[in-house]
Structure formats: C-alpha cells, structure tokens
Amino acid sequence: LYVHLDMGEEAVIALSDSRPEAVYLEQGSHRLLAWRPSRKKTVFKTKGFGEANFVLANLERDAEYSVTIRERNGRSKDQIALVLESDAEGRLQISHAIRGEMEVLLQLRQSGAN
C-alpha cells in the first residue's frame, strides 16, 4: 500500500497494488518542509532535533549518490558531504543528528566518478 499527500490545494489519496514510478519517501522520522524528487537529483528540507532518519525509494538501483547535508543551527551553518549507495531495490537511507533546519541534496554520481 502506498499513500501520498502532496502540498497542492487538493489532497489525493491513491491506493495501488504496485509502487509508484516516482521517487518517494518510504520512511521519515521528521516532518518535511520541502520536497523536490527525481531519480538523478532530489532535494528536501526538514526541521527538528535528534537523530533524523529518512529512507528514499525508487532511486536508481545499486547506484552511488553524492549527498550534501546543510544544517542551520541558529546563526551557524554547517555542511557535510557524503557518498551513499542505493540498494538493489533503489532504496537509500540517510541518518544524521540535527539541531534545527536541515537541507539534503542527493545527486546521482556519474559512472566512473570517484
């Protein structure tokens, strides 16, 4: 079962026996403030405190993604760069302790990139 409510004026619940074709958030520990998904580049923002855990699904399978996490804690800004790999089903997990706002940029790495 997959349920999606977007930020549009009309809330739609779509029930289906199969997964959607688009990238989607399979699990999330914190509320999303912004969400711009695609298989090659996904950006989302969240806000909260503590360990943030997100699982994105329907990404490219067994692929490397450059992940940039930008945090805003009051006046300071921190940036972390990681390389994470999606699994054989196109899922990728991101975990990070946050204290305030966090923006995550996920970008598919070109094959042969280091």
Protein backbone atom coordinates (compact mmCIF):
# COMPACT_ATOMS: atom_id res chain seq x y z
CA LEU A 1 0.00 0.00 0.00
CA TYR A 2 1.32 3.44 -0.95
CA VAL A 3 -0.31 6.69 0.21
CA HIS A 4 0.86 10.11 -1.00
CA LEU A 5 -0.40 13.54 0.07
CA ASP A 6 1.37 16.41 -1.66
CA MET A 7 1.40 20.13 -0.85
CA GLY A 8 -1.16 21.09 -3.53
CA GLU A 9 -4.55 22.66 -2.93
CA GLU A 10 -6.24 19.27 -3.28
CA ALA A 11 -5.19 16.24 -1.21
CA VAL A 12 -5.38 12.99 -3.15
CA ILE A 13 -5.03 9.50 -1.74
CA ALA A 14 -4.06 6.92 -4.38
CA LEU A 15 -4.34 3.26 -3.45
CA SER A 16 -2.38 0.84 -5.59
CA ASP A 17 -1.02 -2.70 -5.53
CA SER A 18 2.25 -1.52 -7.05
CA ARG A 19 4.91 1.02 -6.16
CA PRO A 20 4.80 4.45 -7.76
CA GLU A 21 7.20 5.22 -10.59
CA ALA A 22 8.44 8.44 -8.98
CA VAL A 23 10.98 8.75 -6.16
CA TYR A 24 9.18 8.77 -2.82
CA LEU A 25 9.87 8.91 0.90
CA GLU A 26 9.45 5.39 2.26
CA GLN A 27 10.25 6.30 5.87
CA GLY A 28 10.93 9.55 7.67
CA SER A 29 11.44 10.49 11.28
CA HIS A 30 10.90 14.25 10.87
CA ARG A 31 8.39 16.41 9.02
CA LEU A 32 9.36 17.52 5.51
CA LEU A 33 9.27 21.26 4.82
CA ALA A 34 10.16 20.95 1.12
CA TRP A 35 10.38 18.01 -1.32
CA ARG A 36 11.69 18.05 -4.93
CA PRO A 37 12.29 14.45 -6.04
CA SER A 38 13.79 12.87 -9.15
CA ARG A 39 15.98 9.82 -9.76
CA LYS A 40 19.03 11.92 -10.60
CA LYS A 41 18.63 14.78 -8.11
CA THR A 42 16.43 15.04 -5.02
CA VAL A 43 16.31 17.91 -2.54
CA PHE A 44 14.38 18.01 0.70
CA LYS A 45 14.28 20.11 3.86
CA THR A 46 13.34 19.15 7.37
CA LYS A 47 13.45 20.69 10.81
CA GLY A 48 13.78 19.16 14.24
CA PHE A 49 16.10 17.87 16.92
CA GLY A 50 17.73 14.48 17.43
CA GLU A 51 18.55 11.64 15.07
CA ALA A 52 16.87 12.17 11.69
CA ASN A 53 16.33 9.03 9.60
CA PHE A 54 14.99 9.02 6.05
CA VAL A 55 14.65 6.22 3.52
CA LEU A 56 14.11 7.30 -0.08
CA ALA A 57 12.78 4.72 -2.51
CA ASN A 58 12.58 4.28 -6.27
CA LEU A 59 16.03 5.74 -6.90
CA GLU A 60 18.44 4.23 -9.43
CA ARG A 61 19.35 0.72 -8.26
CA ASP A 62 22.84 -0.04 -6.91
CA ALA A 63 23.94 3.50 -7.69
CA GLU A 64 26.21 5.97 -5.90
CA TYR A 65 24.78 9.30 -4.81
CA SER A 66 26.62 12.39 -3.62
CA VAL A 67 24.79 13.59 -0.54
CA THR A 68 25.21 17.11 0.81
CA ILE A 69 23.65 17.92 4.17
CA ARG A 70 23.37 21.59 5.08
CA GLU A 71 22.39 22.48 8.61
CA ARG A 72 21.31 25.81 10.03
CA ASN A 73 21.53 25.97 13.81
CA GLY A 74 20.64 29.49 14.80
CA ARG A 75 23.26 31.68 13.15
CA SER A 76 25.78 28.98 12.25
CA LYS A 77 25.69 26.89 9.07
CA ASP A 78 27.40 23.53 8.67
CA GLN A 79 27.81 21.42 5.53
CA ILE A 80 28.64 17.71 5.30
CA ALA A 81 29.41 15.79 2.08
CA LEU A 82 28.91 12.02 1.84
CA VAL A 83 28.76 9.31 -0.80
CA LEU A 84 25.97 6.78 -0.21
CA GLU A 85 24.82 3.84 -2.31
CA SER A 86 21.26 2.78 -3.06
CA ASP A 87 20.44 -0.89 -2.65
CA ALA A 88 19.34 -3.42 -5.27
CA GLU A 89 15.75 -2.17 -4.96
CA GLY A 90 16.61 1.53 -5.30
CA ARG A 91 16.37 2.43 -1.59
CA LEU A 92 18.81 4.75 0.16
CA GLN A 93 18.96 5.56 3.87
CA ILE A 94 20.15 8.87 5.29
CA SER A 95 20.74 9.25 9.03
CA HIS A 96 22.04 12.39 10.71
CA ALA A 97 21.69 14.07 14.11
CA ILE A 98 20.18 17.52 13.65
CA ARG A 99 19.54 20.59 15.79
CA GLY A 100 17.36 22.89 13.74
CA GLU A 101 16.90 23.06 9.98
CA MET A 102 18.49 20.59 7.58
CA GLU A 103 18.56 20.59 3.78
CA VAL A 104 19.60 17.40 1.96
CA LEU A 105 20.75 17.36 -1.66
CA LEU A 106 21.07 13.90 -3.23
CA GLN A 107 22.70 13.75 -6.66
CA LEU A 108 23.38 10.67 -8.81
CA ARG A 109 27.11 10.28 -9.38
CA GLN A 110 28.29 9.73 -12.94
CA SER A 111 29.63 6.22 -13.56
CA GLY A 112 33.39 6.21 -13.17
CA ALA A 113 33.27 9.18 -10.75
CA ASN A 114 35.35 8.91 -7.55
